[in-house]
Each structure stands twice: as structure tokens, then as C-alpha cells.
Amino acid sequence: MASGDGAAPDEHAGKEHSAREHSAKEPAAGVAERRLHPVTPLRRAWAPVTVLAGWAVHDPDQAQRQLTRLTTTTLLLGIAVLIPAAALYGFLSWWFTHYAVTDSELRIRTGLLFRRTAHIRLERIQAVDVTRPLLARVAGVAKLKLDVIGADKKDELAFLGEDDARALRAELLARAAGFAPETAQEVGEAPARELVRVPARVIALSLLLIGATWGSLLTAVVVPPLLWLATHSLWTVLAAAVPLVGGAVTSSVGRFLGAYDWTLSESPDGLRIDRGLLDRTHETVPPGRVQTVRIVEPLLWRRRGWVRVELDVAGSSNSVLLPVAPREIAEAVVARVLPGVTVPEDAALARPPRRARWCVPVWWRGHGIAVTDTVFAARHGLLRRRLALVPHAKVQSVRLTQGPWLRAWRVADVHVDTGANKTVTARLRDADEAAGLLHTQADHSRTGRHRATPDRWMTKATSAAAQQGHSETAQQSHSGTPERG
């Protein structure tokens, strides 16, 4: 069942994006090319050093033997050559990197010997995120990351001045929204209204109430002593302890630092997420591109009424909307992400027939399904519940699967595929119910796509008004930005 909303990144778009990276051509007349921030060479100068460090880590015995053969004079000469070479590499890579915004695309030129130019069409930009790692914040610079339809990974510009990064982000979003080129630079960043701010103590407590956190910490404490008793080899213990401790820190302290001061705001560009203690990240969830919303409810969170909200967004890697929030607040946010969608209550979810217990003992009780006029909802999990909501307009295809064992008990699974290359499954449904669901969901999807609005940041009426009112927009840019939603 083909989608009519353009949500799935088609193969042609991906090929188009990659095929446009080729030998650089002369910049178009009248297009001003810009360079990255002068601090960028310091970041890129580490590349040769990183190569040597990677070789040493890959083969530590060989690296140790080579170091023991070097005399002090040879080592000092090597350092004296390596540092200027790394500095020269960083400077040249910065000098030969340019970017420019034309009438229809963002153009990035890179390369020392082999020049390459990436052409990113403005209308295919999904989101523009601003990331400020700790050292970048000290230097007053930021990294700009772009989610583009058809691209497997984010394109980035690292680094720009903080003011330049915000200005370029606002310009790209305005141009992608339909503002005229001469107006986009004057529009500025769209206003935002704060919806939710998650307190740090709530984030910390929520991490302590997750079994995975304690599991990783327990493994990091127990496994190294057991290995020492079994092998009496320090290298074996270190080889196992380092990744275990790193995983434990990442699952607890790292997640807390990444989610610190999590703020969700609403703007005409979409929902904005600001987070991070050491590394600050500014992300945008583009409106109309959300394919699936998942409400995750761990067992130990239920007493407090907390849930986690996750997303599947076409053409974007952003996946978490709220790390932890009361259920009523989460449902209010979901209503803004998916307008017109109401989260079904647990009582409204139809369980599988009792005979399904012979297919999946005990855990069959954790499955449920509800289909409304706007959304396909499926829940799974008994201890860690996950409720997935898929708007009918985002459904790409519907499939029914039934293996021999399921067929023997007259049950089947119904799979709903979305534009983010993800699948939501309603498991263990009655065979007749699943067959009927297959046809009704196809009808719901066709109707939903006809009623769906275009996946743009602004409507045609707003775009036309904005293009006709250039002078008025320029005056408003001093006191506030025009609404682009």
C-alpha cells in the first residue's frame, strides 16, 4: 500500500543526495561562500594523532615494541614533525572547506586533494540541530547538524560561531518553509513557548528505578573479581572491566548528563528539545514527519505515574521526546505531536483471546490493540509496557503473518509498516479479527492520507502572505519573528 504523504524516504531521493557529491564546480555567480569558525583547525588537527592512537590500540604489543626501539632523540624528532604536520593538516582542511546557501540548496565544499561538493536541497531538510560540546561551549562555537530526506546520516558543519549557527539554522528553516531568499535572513529564529521542563531530581530518580541501570552496575562490580579469581591475569581483567564500567557509567551518569535540564518547547518550526549538562544539544522535531509515538512505562515507574515518550521520525534520528514525565503531561504532549489523536486508555485495549496463552505463555496478557478514527494503537510488554501509536495517514503497508503454531490456535499477527522503516505489530489476534483488521486498516490509511495536511512548516496561505509582506517582515524582525506555522 503506497503512501501518499511522502513520509518514507524513497530510493531516488537517497541516490540523488549521494550522487550530488562530486568534484567541486565553480560557485555560482553572486553566491557568497562562507568559512567555518577559525577554531575549527584545532579540532581537525587531531586527525593524524587519532590515526596513530587507533593503530596503537589495535595492536598494543607491536606499538610497545616500536616505542622501545626509539631513542629519546628520535622520539623528540618525531614529535617535532608530527605536531607541525597535524597543525598544517588542520589549517588546510579548514581553508579548503566552504559552505554557501543558494536559492535552492545548501552547498558544502570540502577536500584537500580531491575536492567534493555536497548539494543539499532546502526543501528536503527535515530538521536542523545545534550541538555544543563542552569544549565548544568554552570556545564559543557550535556544531550544526542537518536531517535530510534520503540521507543515511546527518550532514554537519563543525564548527560555527554560536550566533552564526543560530542565524544559519533560522535561515535554513525559513527557506525550507517557503520564505523568499531575501526575506529568510531577516526572519530570525521562530518564537518558542515552553511546554515541559523535566527537573533534574526526577531524571535521576527515574534512572534509579530502571532495572537496566542496576543490572549494568552489578555486572561491572561482580564480573572483574570473578575473572581475576579464574585467570589471575591483570590484562584480562582490565580488558573486561573497562567496557563494563564504561557501559555502567553510560547507562547511569551518561544518561543523566545527556538528559539534564530537558526542556520541550513548541514553535512554528516544530517541537524543540534543549538538553544536556556538559554538552548542550538543541534539536527540532519537524511537524508532520512523526510516524510513530511510543509511550513506555517501566514497572517501577507505574506507582509514580511516570512514562517515557519516544518517536519514530522519517528522515531523522531524533528518538526521545520526553525522558520521563507524568502520564497526563505526556498525553497532552502527544496530542500536540499528533493533532486530533487521543491516547487510548488501558481498558479500551482489546486483549488477545485466551487460547493465545498456548502460543506465548504468561506474556500474552501484555498485548493489546485499539483502532480509532485517527490512530492504530498496539501495546506489548507485561513488565515494561510499550504502547505504539501510528496515525492512519502514516501507514505505508499492512501485513498479516501466521505461522503453523499460530494457525493451529487460530491466531495471527498484524504488522503495520510506517514511513520511518519501522513496524508496529498487533500480536496474537483472533484469525478472523486479524483478517478484518487487514482490510479496515487499509481503508483507514487511504482516508487518512486524503485528509492529511502537507508536511511543511507553514501553510500555503502563510507562505504567500510572507512573500508578499517582505517589508512588514523586516520591521517585525526587530521586535519578534513572524509566526511560521
Protein backbone atom coordinates (compact mmCIF):
# COMPACT_ATOMS: atom_id res chain seq x y z
CA MET A 1 0.00 0.00 0.00
CA ALA A 2 1.84 3.07 -1.21
CA SER A 3 1.86 6.22 0.88
CA GLY A 4 0.58 9.50 -0.44
CA ASP A 5 2.12 11.72 2.25
CA GLY A 6 5.75 11.39 1.10
CA ALA A 7 6.79 10.25 4.57
CA ALA A 8 9.11 7.44 3.55
CA PRO A 9 12.47 8.46 2.10
CA ASP A 10 12.37 6.94 -1.35
CA GLU A 11 15.33 5.34 -3.02
CA HIS A 12 15.50 8.03 -5.67
CA ALA A 13 15.92 10.74 -3.02
CA GLY A 14 18.76 8.84 -1.35
CA LYS A 15 20.55 8.32 -4.67
CA GLU A 16 20.04 11.94 -5.57
CA HIS A 17 21.65 13.13 -2.35
CA SER A 18 24.68 10.85 -2.66
CA ALA A 19 25.08 11.33 -6.40
CA ARG A 20 25.41 15.07 -5.95
CA GLU A 21 28.65 14.67 -4.03
CA HIS A 22 31.15 15.05 -6.84
CA SER A 23 34.15 17.04 -7.88
CA ALA A 24 33.63 20.68 -6.98
CA LYS A 25 32.45 23.10 -9.60
CA GLU A 26 32.93 26.81 -9.61
CA PRO A 27 30.49 28.55 -7.26
CA ALA A 28 27.53 30.19 -8.90
CA ALA A 29 27.83 33.88 -9.60
CA GLY A 30 26.54 36.07 -6.79
CA VAL A 31 26.62 33.30 -4.15
CA ALA A 32 28.76 34.27 -1.16
CA GLU A 33 30.76 31.37 0.21
CA ARG A 34 31.49 31.27 3.92
CA ARG A 35 34.15 29.56 6.01
CA LEU A 36 33.84 27.75 9.30
CA HIS A 37 34.96 29.27 12.58
CA PRO A 38 38.77 29.82 12.88
CA VAL A 39 38.89 27.46 15.87
CA THR A 40 37.98 24.53 13.58
CA PRO A 41 41.63 23.73 12.62
CA LEU A 42 42.33 22.84 16.26
CA ARG A 43 39.66 20.14 16.06
CA ARG A 44 40.77 18.77 12.72
CA ALA A 45 44.46 18.78 13.65
CA TRP A 46 43.80 15.79 15.87
CA ALA A 47 43.06 13.54 12.88
CA PRO A 48 46.68 12.36 12.30
CA VAL A 49 47.15 11.86 16.04
CA THR A 50 43.91 9.86 16.17
CA VAL A 51 45.16 7.56 13.40
CA LEU A 52 48.33 6.78 15.37
CA ALA A 53 46.35 6.26 18.57
CA GLY A 54 43.97 3.90 16.77
CA TRP A 55 46.90 1.85 15.47
CA ALA A 56 48.39 1.65 18.97
CA VAL A 57 45.11 0.49 20.49
CA HIS A 58 44.52 -2.03 17.70
CA ASP A 59 47.94 -3.67 18.18
CA PRO A 60 49.31 -2.63 21.61
CA ASP A 61 52.14 -5.23 21.64
CA GLN A 62 53.53 -4.06 18.30
CA ALA A 63 53.20 -0.42 19.38
CA GLN A 64 55.10 -1.15 22.61
CA ARG A 65 57.89 -2.90 20.72
CA GLN A 66 58.22 0.00 18.30
CA LEU A 67 58.37 2.54 21.14
CA THR A 68 61.09 0.62 22.97
CA ARG A 69 63.27 0.75 19.84
CA LEU A 70 63.08 4.53 19.62
CA THR A 71 65.76 6.63 21.22
CA THR A 72 64.97 9.86 23.02
CA THR A 73 66.34 11.91 20.13
CA THR A 74 64.27 10.01 17.57
CA LEU A 75 61.15 10.36 19.70
CA LEU A 76 61.63 14.13 20.08
CA LEU A 77 62.23 14.50 16.34
CA GLY A 78 59.06 12.52 15.63
CA ILE A 79 57.03 14.76 17.92
CA ALA A 80 58.63 17.85 16.36
CA VAL A 81 57.49 16.63 12.92
CA LEU A 82 54.06 15.33 13.98
CA ILE A 83 52.84 18.50 15.69
CA PRO A 84 53.53 20.88 12.75
CA ALA A 85 52.15 18.30 10.30
CA ALA A 86 48.96 17.94 12.30
CA ALA A 87 48.63 21.72 12.57
CA LEU A 88 49.17 22.11 8.82
CA TYR A 89 46.56 19.43 8.07
CA GLY A 90 44.03 21.13 10.35
CA PHE A 91 44.65 24.52 8.76
CA LEU A 92 44.46 23.28 5.15
CA SER A 93 41.29 21.25 5.78
CA TRP A 94 39.69 24.38 7.25
CA TRP A 95 40.97 26.63 4.45
CA PHE A 96 39.51 24.42 1.73
CA THR A 97 36.11 23.99 3.39
CA HIS A 98 33.35 26.40 2.35
CA TYR A 99 29.60 26.48 2.52
CA ALA A 100 27.03 28.63 0.79
CA VAL A 101 23.26 28.98 0.75
CA THR A 102 21.88 29.41 -2.77
CA ASP A 103 18.30 29.95 -3.91
CA SER A 104 17.58 26.22 -3.81
CA GLU A 105 20.28 24.41 -1.83
CA LEU A 106 22.94 24.38 0.86
CA ARG A 107 26.32 23.73 -0.76
CA ILE A 108 29.27 22.33 1.23
CA ARG A 109 32.70 22.10 -0.43
CA THR A 110 35.45 20.06 1.23
CA GLY A 111 38.66 18.24 0.37
CA LEU A 112 42.40 18.92 0.08
CA LEU A 113 43.46 16.85 -2.93
CA PHE A 114 40.10 15.52 -4.07
CA ARG A 115 37.51 18.28 -3.88
CA ARG A 116 33.92 17.25 -3.19
CA THR A 117 30.74 19.28 -3.10
CA ALA A 118 27.56 18.21 -1.32
CA HIS A 119 24.35 19.77 -2.63
CA ILE A 120 21.54 19.65 -0.05
CA ARG A 121 18.20 20.78 -1.42
CA LEU A 122 16.49 23.11 1.02
CA GLU A 123 13.04 21.57 0.61
CA ARG A 124 14.45 18.19 1.70
CA ILE A 125 15.77 19.47 5.02
CA GLN A 126 13.78 17.90 7.86
CA ALA A 127 15.44 19.40 10.92
CA VAL A 128 18.45 21.48 11.86
CA ASP A 129 20.02 20.72 15.25
CA VAL A 130 22.58 22.80 17.10
CA THR A 131 25.04 20.88 19.31
CA ARG A 132 27.52 22.50 21.69
CA PRO A 133 30.01 20.07 23.26
CA LEU A 134 31.75 21.18 26.44
CA LEU A 135 34.97 22.39 24.81
CA ALA A 136 32.97 24.03 22.02
CA ARG A 137 30.95 25.95 24.62
CA VAL A 138 34.20 27.18 26.16
CA ALA A 139 35.39 28.35 22.74
CA GLY A 140 32.02 29.90 21.90
CA VAL A 141 31.32 27.69 18.88
CA ALA A 142 28.61 25.21 17.92
CA LYS A 143 28.03 22.33 15.52
CA LEU A 144 25.16 22.40 13.04
CA LYS A 145 23.59 19.03 12.10
CA LEU A 146 21.03 18.59 9.33
CA ASP A 147 18.49 15.81 8.87
CA VAL A 148 17.84 15.39 5.14
CA ILE A 149 15.34 13.12 3.43
CA GLY A 150 17.15 10.25 1.72
CA ALA A 151 20.41 10.66 3.66
CA ASP A 152 21.57 7.82 5.89
CA LYS A 153 23.47 10.11 8.23
CA LYS A 154 23.34 13.74 9.24
CA ASP A 155 25.31 16.34 7.32
CA GLU A 156 27.10 18.75 9.62
CA LEU A 157 29.01 22.00 9.76
CA ALA A 158 31.56 21.99 12.57
CA PHE A 159 32.26 24.49 13.87
CA LEU A 160 30.44 27.80 13.56
CA GLY A 161 30.22 30.70 15.97
CA GLU A 162 27.21 30.32 18.27
CA ASP A 163 25.48 33.38 16.81
CA ASP A 164 26.31 32.28 13.25
CA ALA A 165 24.97 28.77 13.94
CA ARG A 166 21.66 30.10 15.27
CA ALA A 167 21.35 32.56 12.39
CA LEU A 168 22.11 29.89 9.76
CA ARG A 169 19.67 27.48 11.38
CA ALA A 170 16.91 30.12 11.30
CA GLU A 171 17.73 30.95 7.69
CA LEU A 172 17.65 27.31 6.55
CA LEU A 173 14.36 26.62 8.32
CA ALA A 174 12.83 29.80 6.90
CA ARG A 175 13.98 28.92 3.39
CA ALA A 176 12.71 25.34 3.78
CA ALA A 177 9.40 26.78 5.00
CA GLY A 178 8.96 28.80 1.83
CA PHE A 179 10.24 32.28 2.70
CA ALA A 180 11.84 34.20 -0.14
CA PRO A 181 15.68 34.25 -0.16
CA GLU A 182 15.85 37.99 0.52
CA THR A 183 13.46 37.61 3.46
CA ALA A 184 14.86 34.43 5.08
CA GLN A 185 17.90 36.15 6.61
CA GLU A 186 15.69 38.81 8.20
CA VAL A 187 13.14 36.43 9.69
CA GLY A 188 15.31 35.23 12.55
CA GLU A 189 14.56 32.29 14.82
CA ALA A 190 10.88 31.49 15.26
CA PRO A 191 9.47 32.16 18.76
CA ALA A 192 9.10 29.21 21.11
CA ARG A 193 6.77 28.56 24.05
CA GLU A 194 7.97 26.25 26.81
CA LEU A 195 5.74 23.23 27.37
CA VAL A 196 7.63 20.95 29.76
CA ARG A 197 10.83 21.22 31.79
CA VAL A 198 11.93 17.98 33.47
CA PRO A 199 13.54 18.54 36.91
CA ALA A 200 17.00 17.03 37.44
CA ARG A 201 15.88 15.12 40.55
CA VAL A 202 13.11 13.44 38.55
CA ILE A 203 15.60 12.37 35.87
CA ALA A 204 17.98 10.97 38.49
CA LEU A 205 15.24 9.09 40.34
CA SER A 206 13.81 7.68 37.10
CA LEU A 207 17.21 6.23 36.19
CA LEU A 208 17.48 4.60 39.60
CA LEU A 209 14.09 2.97 39.06
CA ILE A 210 15.17 1.24 35.83
CA GLY A 211 16.38 -2.34 36.13
CA ALA A 212 18.95 -1.91 33.34
CA THR A 213 20.83 0.68 35.41
CA TRP A 214 21.26 -1.66 38.37
CA GLY A 215 21.99 -4.60 36.07
CA SER A 216 24.90 -2.82 34.39
CA LEU A 217 26.30 -1.57 37.72
CA LEU A 218 26.07 -5.05 39.26
CA THR A 219 27.80 -6.62 36.26
CA ALA A 220 30.64 -4.06 36.43
CA VAL A 221 31.18 -4.84 40.12
CA VAL A 222 30.87 -8.64 40.04
CA VAL A 223 32.49 -9.77 36.76
CA PRO A 224 36.08 -8.35 37.16
CA PRO A 225 36.72 -10.04 40.55
CA LEU A 226 35.42 -13.35 39.17
CA LEU A 227 37.75 -13.06 36.18
CA TRP A 228 40.70 -12.35 38.48
CA LEU A 229 39.93 -15.46 40.54
CA ALA A 230 39.65 -17.54 37.38
CA THR A 231 42.63 -16.24 35.37
CA HIS A 232 44.91 -14.16 37.69
CA SER A 233 45.62 -12.07 34.60
CA LEU A 234 45.57 -8.30 35.05
CA TRP A 235 45.22 -7.66 31.31
CA THR A 236 42.22 -9.96 31.07
CA VAL A 237 40.55 -8.22 33.99
CA LEU A 238 41.24 -4.77 32.52
CA ALA A 239 40.03 -5.82 29.06
CA ALA A 240 36.71 -6.88 30.58
CA ALA A 241 36.41 -4.20 33.28
CA VAL A 242 36.93 -1.14 31.07
CA PRO A 243 33.93 -1.74 28.72
CA LEU A 244 31.77 -2.95 31.64
CA VAL A 245 32.50 0.15 33.72
CA GLY A 246 32.09 2.33 30.64
CA GLY A 247 28.70 0.76 29.93
CA ALA A 248 27.61 1.22 33.54
CA VAL A 249 28.63 4.88 33.52
CA THR A 250 26.91 5.48 30.19
CA SER A 251 23.67 3.84 31.35
CA SER A 252 23.52 5.94 34.51
CA VAL A 253 25.72 9.02 34.74
CA GLY A 254 25.94 9.49 30.97
CA ARG A 255 22.17 9.35 30.51
CA PHE A 256 21.68 11.80 33.38
CA LEU A 257 24.16 14.27 31.90
CA GLY A 258 22.55 13.94 28.47
CA ALA A 259 19.00 14.45 29.78
CA TYR A 260 19.84 17.19 32.29
CA ASP A 261 17.61 20.28 32.05
CA TRP A 262 15.45 18.62 29.40
CA THR A 263 13.16 21.32 28.04
CA LEU A 264 10.44 20.79 25.47
CA SER A 265 9.12 23.88 23.68
CA GLU A 266 6.64 24.49 20.88
CA SER A 267 7.39 26.70 17.89
CA PRO A 268 6.21 27.08 14.29
CA ASP A 269 9.31 25.07 13.26
CA GLY A 270 8.14 22.10 15.34
CA LEU A 271 8.80 20.87 18.86
CA ARG A 272 12.19 21.96 20.16
CA ILE A 273 14.28 19.98 22.61
CA ASP A 274 17.07 21.59 24.65
CA ARG A 275 19.08 19.28 26.89
CA GLY A 276 22.46 18.40 28.34
CA LEU A 277 24.68 19.47 31.22
CA LEU A 278 28.15 19.31 29.69
CA ASP A 279 27.21 19.05 26.01
CA ARG A 280 24.19 21.20 25.18
CA THR A 281 22.00 20.00 22.32
CA HIS A 282 19.25 21.90 20.54
CA GLU A 283 17.05 19.55 18.46
CA THR A 284 13.89 20.03 16.46
CA VAL A 285 11.11 17.52 15.82
CA PRO A 286 9.66 18.62 12.44
CA PRO A 287 5.85 18.75 12.33
CA GLY A 288 4.09 16.21 10.18
CA ARG A 289 7.11 13.88 9.99
CA VAL A 290 6.37 11.85 13.13
CA GLN A 291 5.45 8.32 12.06
CA THR A 292 5.04 6.60 15.42
CA VAL A 293 4.77 7.69 19.05
CA ARG A 294 5.58 5.19 21.78
CA ILE A 295 4.62 5.57 25.44
CA VAL A 296 6.98 3.44 27.52
CA GLU A 297 6.02 2.55 31.08
CA PRO A 298 8.64 0.62 33.12
CA LEU A 299 7.35 -1.45 36.03
CA LEU A 300 8.87 0.67 38.83
CA TRP A 301 7.55 3.90 37.27
CA ARG A 302 3.88 2.92 37.43
CA ARG A 303 3.41 3.76 41.11
CA ARG A 304 4.50 7.32 40.40
CA GLY A 305 2.55 7.53 37.14
CA TRP A 306 5.63 8.24 35.02
CA VAL A 307 6.13 7.37 31.36
CA ARG A 308 8.71 7.93 28.64
CA VAL A 309 7.73 9.27 25.20
CA GLU A 310 9.68 8.06 22.16
CA LEU A 311 9.31 8.89 18.48
CA ASP A 312 9.99 7.46 15.04
CA VAL A 313 10.57 10.39 12.69
CA ALA A 314 11.02 9.97 8.94
CA GLY A 315 14.42 11.22 7.83
CA SER A 316 15.57 11.98 11.39
CA SER A 317 17.49 10.20 14.12
CA ASN A 318 15.78 12.03 16.97
CA SER A 319 14.01 9.36 19.02
CA VAL A 320 13.20 10.65 22.53
CA LEU A 321 10.65 13.38 23.10
CA LEU A 322 10.40 13.18 26.91
CA PRO A 323 12.77 11.08 29.04
CA VAL A 324 10.29 10.96 31.93
CA ALA A 325 7.03 12.78 32.68
CA PRO A 326 3.68 12.23 34.42
CA ARG A 327 1.27 10.37 32.18
CA GLU A 328 -1.22 13.24 31.90
CA ILE A 329 1.52 15.63 30.75
CA ALA A 330 2.86 13.06 28.29
CA GLU A 331 -0.59 12.55 26.79
CA ALA A 332 -1.00 16.33 26.40
CA VAL A 333 2.32 16.47 24.54
CA VAL A 334 1.31 13.55 22.32
CA ALA A 335 -1.82 15.48 21.38
CA ARG A 336 0.43 18.28 20.09
CA VAL A 337 2.68 15.90 18.17
CA LEU A 338 -0.29 14.06 16.63
CA PRO A 339 -3.14 16.59 16.39
CA GLY A 340 -6.54 15.00 16.88
CA VAL A 341 -5.12 11.80 18.40
CA THR A 342 -6.20 10.68 21.87
CA VAL A 343 -4.17 8.08 23.74
CA PRO A 344 -6.42 5.06 24.38
CA GLU A 345 -6.88 4.04 28.00
CA ASP A 346 -5.80 0.60 29.16
CA ALA A 347 -9.43 -0.50 29.47
CA ALA A 348 -10.01 0.35 25.80
CA LEU A 349 -7.27 -2.03 24.60
CA ALA A 350 -8.64 -5.39 23.45
CA ARG A 351 -6.61 -8.34 24.72
CA PRO A 352 -5.84 -11.44 22.67
CA PRO A 353 -8.18 -14.44 23.03
CA ARG A 354 -7.41 -16.79 25.96
CA ARG A 355 -6.23 -19.55 23.64
CA ALA A 356 -3.25 -17.32 22.75
CA ARG A 357 -1.70 -18.32 26.09
CA TRP A 358 -0.63 -21.58 24.42
CA CYS A 359 1.40 -19.58 21.91
CA VAL A 360 3.03 -17.14 24.36
CA PRO A 361 2.55 -18.29 27.97
CA VAL A 362 2.05 -15.56 30.63
CA TRP A 363 3.29 -12.72 28.40
CA TRP A 364 0.23 -12.90 26.16
CA ARG A 365 -1.57 -10.74 28.74
CA GLY A 366 0.70 -7.82 27.93
CA HIS A 367 -0.57 -7.48 24.37
CA GLY A 368 -3.49 -5.27 23.37
CA ILE A 369 -4.87 -3.27 20.46
CA ALA A 370 -7.20 -0.35 19.81
CA VAL A 371 -8.17 1.20 16.47
CA THR A 372 -9.82 4.63 16.45
CA ASP A 373 -10.75 7.00 13.65
CA THR A 374 -7.28 8.57 13.76
CA VAL A 375 -4.78 6.07 15.09
CA PHE A 376 -3.72 2.42 15.17
CA ALA A 377 -2.58 1.58 18.73
CA ALA A 378 -0.80 -1.61 19.80
CA ARG A 379 0.63 -2.45 23.21
CA HIS A 380 3.11 -5.15 24.19
CA GLY A 381 5.09 -5.99 27.31
CA LEU A 382 4.00 -7.13 30.75
CA LEU A 383 6.70 -5.65 32.99
CA ARG A 384 7.81 -2.88 30.65
CA ARG A 385 4.74 -1.77 28.75
CA ARG A 386 5.07 -0.07 25.37
CA LEU A 387 2.10 1.48 23.64
CA ALA A 388 2.77 2.40 19.99
CA LEU A 389 0.52 4.92 18.24
CA VAL A 390 0.55 5.11 14.43
CA PRO A 391 -1.64 7.72 12.69
CA HIS A 392 -3.58 6.14 9.85
CA ALA A 393 -2.10 8.64 7.39
CA LYS A 394 1.42 7.37 8.15
CA VAL A 395 0.75 3.70 7.47
CA GLN A 396 2.67 2.50 4.41
CA SER A 397 1.52 -1.12 4.33
CA VAL A 398 -0.36 -3.71 6.38
CA ARG A 399 0.66 -7.36 6.57
CA LEU A 400 -0.79 -10.46 8.22
CA THR A 401 1.51 -13.29 9.26
CA GLN A 402 0.52 -16.68 10.68
CA GLY A 403 2.95 -19.50 11.30
CA PRO A 404 1.96 -23.16 11.76
CA TRP A 405 1.67 -22.90 15.55
CA LEU A 406 -0.39 -19.69 15.40
CA ARG A 407 -2.58 -21.25 12.71
CA ALA A 408 -3.23 -24.24 14.96
CA TRP A 409 -4.66 -21.95 17.64
CA ARG A 410 -6.44 -19.69 15.14
CA VAL A 411 -4.48 -16.53 15.94
CA ALA A 412 -2.38 -14.24 13.74
CA ASP A 413 -0.11 -11.20 13.87
CA VAL A 414 -0.92 -7.94 12.06
CA HIS A 415 2.06 -5.77 11.10
CA VAL A 416 1.76 -2.08 10.27
CA ASP A 417 4.74 -0.56 8.42
CA THR A 418 5.46 3.16 8.69
CA GLY A 419 7.46 5.69 6.70
CA ALA A 420 10.36 5.56 9.16
CA ASN A 421 11.14 1.96 8.13
CA LYS A 422 9.67 0.74 11.41
CA THR A 423 6.96 -1.80 12.11
CA VAL A 424 4.26 -1.86 14.79
CA THR A 425 2.78 -5.30 15.42
CA ALA A 426 -0.55 -6.31 16.94
CA ARG A 427 0.28 -9.79 18.16
CA LEU A 428 -1.88 -12.83 18.85
CA ARG A 429 -5.13 -11.52 17.40
CA ASP A 430 -8.02 -13.83 16.58
CA ALA A 431 -7.60 -15.03 13.00
CA ASP A 432 -10.96 -13.64 11.83
CA GLU A 433 -10.33 -10.36 13.67
CA ALA A 434 -6.88 -10.09 12.05
CA ALA A 435 -8.30 -10.65 8.56
CA GLY A 436 -10.92 -7.96 9.13
CA LEU A 437 -8.29 -5.63 10.60
CA LEU A 438 -6.16 -6.05 7.50
CA HIS A 439 -8.90 -4.62 5.26
CA THR A 440 -10.25 -1.96 7.63
CA GLN A 441 -6.76 -0.61 8.28
CA ALA A 442 -6.16 -0.28 4.54
CA ASP A 443 -9.35 1.80 4.28
CA HIS A 444 -8.37 3.91 7.32
CA SER A 445 -4.96 4.60 5.77
CA ARG A 446 -6.38 5.72 2.42
CA THR A 447 -8.86 8.03 4.16
CA GLY A 448 -6.18 9.38 6.49
CA ARG A 449 -3.82 10.26 3.65
CA HIS A 450 -6.54 12.16 1.81
CA ARG A 451 -7.26 14.22 4.92
CA ALA A 452 -3.62 14.76 5.91
CA THR A 453 -2.10 18.22 5.58
CA PRO A 454 1.22 18.74 3.73
CA ASP A 455 4.39 18.06 5.71
CA ARG A 456 5.63 21.62 5.63
CA TRP A 457 6.47 24.15 8.31
CA MET A 458 3.91 26.60 7.03
CA THR A 459 0.70 26.58 5.03
CA LYS A 460 0.45 27.93 1.50
CA ALA A 461 -1.55 30.91 2.71
CA THR A 462 1.09 31.86 5.26
CA SER A 463 3.84 31.38 2.70
CA ALA A 464 2.12 33.63 0.18
CA ALA A 465 1.45 36.28 2.79
CA ALA A 466 5.06 36.12 3.95
CA GLN A 467 6.41 36.53 0.42
CA GLN A 468 4.11 39.48 -0.26
CA GLY A 469 4.93 41.21 3.02
CA HIS A 470 8.72 41.47 2.83
CA SER A 471 8.88 44.98 4.21
CA GLU A 472 6.48 44.17 7.05
CA THR A 473 8.53 41.07 7.96
CA ALA A 474 11.71 43.13 8.11
CA GLN A 475 10.08 45.53 10.57
CA GLN A 476 8.77 42.69 12.75
CA SER A 477 12.19 41.01 12.89
CA HIS A 478 13.40 43.71 15.31
CA SER A 479 10.66 43.06 17.87
CA GLY A 480 9.68 39.44 17.20
CA THR A 481 9.73 36.82 14.50
CA PRO A 482 6.68 36.16 12.31
CA GLU A 483 4.73 33.01 13.01
CA ARG A 484 5.62 30.26 10.53
CA GLY A 485 3.05 27.66 11.43
